[in-house]
C-alpha atoms as a PDB file:
ATOM      1  CA  MET A   1       2.887  -1.549 -13.327  1.00  0.00           C
ATOM      2  CA  ILE A   2       3.768  -3.016 -10.162  1.00  0.00           C
ATOM      3  CA  HIS A   3       6.157  -0.934  -7.694  1.00  0.00           C
ATOM      4  CA  THR A   4       8.383  -2.882  -5.647  1.00  0.00           C
ATOM      5  CA  LEU A   5       9.917  -2.400  -2.474  1.00  0.00           C
ATOM      6  CA  ASN A   6      12.293  -4.395  -0.981  1.00  0.00           C
ATOM      7  CA  LYS A   7      12.861  -4.318   2.493  1.00  0.00           C
ATOM      8  CA  LEU A   8      15.243  -6.211   3.709  1.00  0.00           C
ATOM      9  CA  VAL A   9      14.222  -8.144   7.801  1.00  0.00           C
ATOM     10  CA  CYS A  10      15.555  -7.081  11.163  1.00  0.00           C
ATOM     11  CA  GLY A  11      15.057  -8.750  13.813  1.00  0.00           C
ATOM     12  CA  PHE A  12      13.464  -6.082  15.560  1.00  0.00           C
ATOM     13  CA  HIS A  13      11.167  -7.075  12.953  1.00  0.00           C
ATOM     14  CA  CYS A  14      10.185  -9.320  14.675  1.00  0.00           C
ATOM     15  CA  ASP A  15       7.893 -11.008  17.480  1.00  0.00           C
ATOM     16  CA  ALA A  16       8.736 -13.557  20.414  1.00  0.00           C
ATOM     17  CA  TYR A  17       7.357 -16.271  18.509  1.00  0.00           C
ATOM     18  CA  GLY A  18      10.696 -15.047  16.329  1.00  0.00           C
ATOM     19  CA  HIS A  19       8.486 -14.192  12.681  1.00  0.00           C
ATOM     20  CA  VAL A  20       7.174 -10.242  11.916  1.00  0.00           C
ATOM     21  CA  ASN A  21       4.203  -9.450  14.117  1.00  0.00           C
ATOM     22  CA  ASN A  22       1.506  -8.910  12.539  1.00  0.00           C
ATOM     23  CA  ALA A  23       1.452  -4.994  13.210  1.00  0.00           C
ATOM     24  CA  ARG A  24       4.919  -4.426  11.092  1.00  0.00           C
ATOM     25  CA  TYR A  25       3.132  -6.071   8.615  1.00  0.00           C
ATOM     26  CA  LEU A  26       1.179  -2.837   8.300  1.00  0.00           C
ATOM     27  CA  GLU A  27       3.674  -1.311   8.421  1.00  0.00           C
ATOM     28  CA  PHE A  28       5.624  -2.430   5.770  1.00  0.00           C
ATOM     29  CA  PHE A  29       2.547  -1.981   3.081  1.00  0.00           C
ATOM     30  CA  GLU A  30       2.769   1.089   4.354  1.00  0.00           C
ATOM     31  CA  GLU A  31       6.633   1.739   3.547  1.00  0.00           C
ATOM     32  CA  ALA A  32       6.383   0.292   0.362  1.00  0.00           C
ATOM     33  CA  ARG A  33       2.889   2.411  -0.171  1.00  0.00           C
ATOM     34  CA  TRP A  34       3.923   5.927   0.155  1.00  0.00           C
ATOM     35  CA  THR A  35       7.801   5.491  -1.423  1.00  0.00           C
ATOM     36  CA  ALA A  36       5.241   4.564  -4.931  1.00  0.00           C
ATOM     37  CA  LEU A  37       3.329   7.037  -3.796  1.00  0.00           C
ATOM     38  CA  ASN A  38       6.128   8.847  -4.016  1.00  0.00           C
ATOM     39  CA  ASP A  39       8.157   7.750  -6.395  1.00  0.00           C
ATOM     40  CA  TYR A  40       5.213   8.619  -9.168  1.00  0.00           C
ATOM     41  CA  ASP A  41       4.156  11.806  -7.760  1.00  0.00           C
ATOM     42  CA  LEU A  42       1.202  10.878  -6.650  1.00  0.00           C
ATOM     43  CA  VAL A  43       0.977  12.631  -3.112  1.00  0.00           C
ATOM     44  CA  GLN A  44       2.431  15.937  -4.781  1.00  0.00           C
ATOM     45  CA  LYS A  45       0.023  16.236  -6.672  1.00  0.00           C
ATOM     46  CA  LEU A  46      -3.284  15.631  -4.564  1.00  0.00           C
ATOM     47  CA  HIS A  47      -1.451  17.823  -1.923  1.00  0.00           C
ATOM     48  CA  ALA A  48      -2.490  20.013  -4.646  1.00  0.00           C
ATOM     49  CA  ARG A  49      -6.204  19.954  -5.406  1.00  0.00           C
ATOM     50  CA  GLN A  50      -5.906  20.313  -1.916  1.00  0.00           C
ATOM     51  CA  LEU A  51      -6.563  15.691  -1.106  1.00  0.00           C
ATOM     52  CA  GLN A  52      -5.124  14.002   1.503  1.00  0.00           C
ATOM     53  CA  PHE A  53      -5.379   9.772   1.728  1.00  0.00           C
ATOM     54  CA  PHE A  54      -7.163   8.292   4.857  1.00  0.00           C
ATOM     55  CA  VAL A  55      -7.292   4.330   4.730  1.00  0.00           C
ATOM     56  CA  VAL A  56     -10.503   3.282   5.149  1.00  0.00           C
ATOM     57  CA  ASN A  57      -9.984  -0.693   5.403  1.00  0.00           C
ATOM     58  CA  ILE A  58      -7.343  -3.200   5.611  1.00  0.00           C
ATOM     59  CA  ASN A  59      -7.827  -6.448   4.742  1.00  0.00           C
ATOM     60  CA  VAL A  60      -5.231  -8.373   5.310  1.00  0.00           C
ATOM     61  CA  ASP A  61      -4.249 -13.075   4.831  1.00  0.00           C
ATOM     62  CA  PHE A  62      -1.370 -14.471   6.458  1.00  0.00           C
ATOM     63  CA  LYS A  63       0.335 -17.081   4.153  1.00  0.00           C
ATOM     64  CA  LYS A  64       3.585 -17.979   4.920  1.00  0.00           C
ATOM     65  CA  PRO A  65       5.966 -15.920   7.730  1.00  0.00           C
ATOM     66  CA  VAL A  66       8.524 -13.989   7.773  1.00  0.00           C
ATOM     67  CA  VAL A  67      11.552 -13.831   9.858  1.00  0.00           C
ATOM     68  CA  THR A  68      14.957 -12.592  10.162  1.00  0.00           C
ATOM     69  CA  ASP A  69      17.543 -11.308   7.195  1.00  0.00           C
ATOM     70  CA  ASP A  70      14.411 -12.830   4.860  1.00  0.00           C
ATOM     71  CA  VAL A  71      13.524 -10.464   2.308  1.00  0.00           C
ATOM     72  CA  ALA A  72      10.608  -8.919   1.392  1.00  0.00           C
ATOM     73  CA  PHE A  73       9.722  -7.717  -1.874  1.00  0.00           C
ATOM     74  CA  ILE A  74       6.558  -5.840  -0.921  1.00  0.00           C
ATOM     75  CA  SER A  75       4.846  -5.175  -4.245  1.00  0.00           C
ATOM     76  CA  THR A  76       2.333  -2.674  -4.630  1.00  0.00           C
ATOM     77  CA  HIS A  77      -0.135  -2.251  -7.620  1.00  0.00           C
ATOM     78  CA  LEU A  78      -3.974  -0.622  -8.253  1.00  0.00           C
ATOM     79  CA  GLY A  79      -7.268  -2.510  -6.674  1.00  0.00           C
ATOM     80  CA  ASN A  80     -10.678  -1.227  -7.153  1.00  0.00           C
ATOM     81  CA  ILE A  81     -11.475   2.073  -7.760  1.00  0.00           C
ATOM     82  CA  LYS A  82     -15.183   2.542  -6.812  1.00  0.00           C
ATOM     83  CA  ARG A  83     -17.399   5.560  -6.627  1.00  0.00           C
ATOM     84  CA  LYS A  84     -15.418   7.265  -4.134  1.00  0.00           C
ATOM     85  CA  THR A  85     -13.019   4.371  -3.037  1.00  0.00           C
ATOM     86  CA  ILE A  86      -9.561   3.380  -4.226  1.00  0.00           C
ATOM     87  CA  SER A  87      -7.820   0.395  -3.426  1.00  0.00           C
ATOM     88  CA  PHE A  88      -4.369  -1.148  -3.608  1.00  0.00           C
ATOM     89  CA  ILE A  89      -3.106  -4.546  -3.622  1.00  0.00           C
ATOM     90  CA  GLN A  90       0.098  -5.159  -1.482  1.00  0.00           C
ATOM     91  CA  THR A  91       2.315  -8.472  -1.688  1.00  0.00           C
ATOM     92  CA  ILE A  92       4.861  -9.599   0.350  1.00  0.00           C
ATOM     93  CA  GLU A  93       6.890 -12.543  -1.174  1.00  0.00           C
ATOM     94  CA  VAL A  94      10.028 -13.912   0.113  1.00  0.00           C
ATOM     95  CA  SER A  95      11.979 -16.488  -2.298  1.00  0.00           C
ATOM     96  CA  GLY A  96       9.541 -16.334  -4.771  1.00  0.00           C
ATOM     97  CA  GLN A  97       6.654 -16.967  -2.303  1.00  0.00           C
ATOM     98  CA  THR A  98       3.575 -15.256  -1.422  1.00  0.00           C
ATOM     99  CA  THR A  99       3.510 -15.436   2.456  1.00  0.00           C
ATOM    100  CA  THR A 100       1.355 -12.162   2.895  1.00  0.00           C
ATOM    101  CA  LYS A 101      -1.753  -9.877   0.787  1.00  0.00           C
ATOM    102  CA  ALA A 102      -3.384  -7.507   1.573  1.00  0.00           C
ATOM    103  CA  GLU A 103      -5.699  -4.642   0.389  1.00  0.00           C
ATOM    104  CA  VAL A 104      -5.460  -1.649   1.298  1.00  0.00           C
ATOM    105  CA  THR A 105      -8.843   0.468   0.866  1.00  0.00           C
ATOM    106  CA  PHE A 106      -9.085   4.604   1.092  1.00  0.00           C
ATOM    107  CA  VAL A 107     -10.548   7.678   0.506  1.00  0.00           C
ATOM    108  CA  LEU A 108      -9.927  10.701  -1.336  1.00  0.00           C
ATOM    109  CA  PHE A 109     -10.145  13.302   1.462  1.00  0.00           C
ATOM    110  CA  ASP A 110     -10.374  17.077   0.931  1.00  0.00           C
ATOM    111  CA  THR A 111      -8.580  18.910   3.545  1.00  0.00           C
ATOM    112  CA  LYS A 112     -10.622  22.846   2.370  1.00  0.00           C
ATOM    113  CA  GLU A 113     -14.277  21.029   2.261  1.00  0.00           C
ATOM    114  CA  LYS A 114     -13.653  18.446   5.076  1.00  0.00           C
ATOM    115  CA  ARG A 115     -15.239  16.032   3.777  1.00  0.00           C
ATOM    116  CA  ALA A 116     -13.636  12.473   1.239  1.00  0.00           C
ATOM    117  CA  VAL A 117     -14.675  13.591  -2.783  1.00  0.00           C
ATOM    118  CA  SER A 118     -15.966  11.477  -5.648  1.00  0.00           C
ATOM    119  CA  ILE A 119     -14.067   9.180  -7.840  1.00  0.00           C
ATOM    120  CA  THR A 120     -12.805  10.884 -11.452  1.00  0.00           C
ATOM    121  CA  ASP A 121     -11.847  10.511 -14.584  1.00  0.00           C
ATOM    122  CA  ASP A 122      -9.690  12.919 -13.728  1.00  0.00           C
ATOM    123  CA  LEU A 123      -8.064  11.926 -10.415  1.00  0.00           C
ATOM    124  CA  ILE A 124      -7.834   7.930 -12.146  1.00  0.00           C
ATOM    125  CA  ALA A 125      -5.844   9.353 -14.506  1.00  0.00           C
ATOM    126  CA  LEU A 126      -3.694   9.929 -11.669  1.00  0.00           C
ATOM    127  CA  PHE A 127      -3.396   6.492 -10.206  1.00  0.00           C
ATOM    128  CA  LYS A 128      -2.694   5.049 -14.028  1.00  0.00           C
ATOM    129  CA  PRO A 129       1.128   4.146 -13.690  1.00  0.00           C
ATOM    130  CA  LEU A 130       0.123   1.524 -10.972  1.00  0.00           C
ATOM    131  CA  GLU A 131      -1.982   0.062 -12.969  1.00  0.00           C
ATOM    132  CA  HIS A 132      -1.686  -3.814 -13.405  1.00  0.00           C
ATOM    133  CA  ALA A 133      -1.281  -4.894 -16.856  1.00  0.00           C
END
């Protein structure tokens, strides 16, 4: 399921050019990821296993500027799952048009062993609510 967060863009999100500053896009995406993770209790479930998220790569494609008073619809869904990494695909849409797209890749870090863990079937099962149909 795709998780969506609606965000009103405020003046302080924007730079001197009048559009959202590139660093703010990362904050928007991060807020949407954490909201999705918390809505499905993934943070708590992973913490119970002594696991944390560590972002290892972010690729952002800026297609159209987002400006003050826009309502940004930020969607998050599960992307690629590999042996040691998982990614989320995130998009920002304004008025039905995709303005920004990102792939955020992370590892699951074992806080006890101090290392990234392999992504096992039981861990993948935790992320099923964010699978894109």
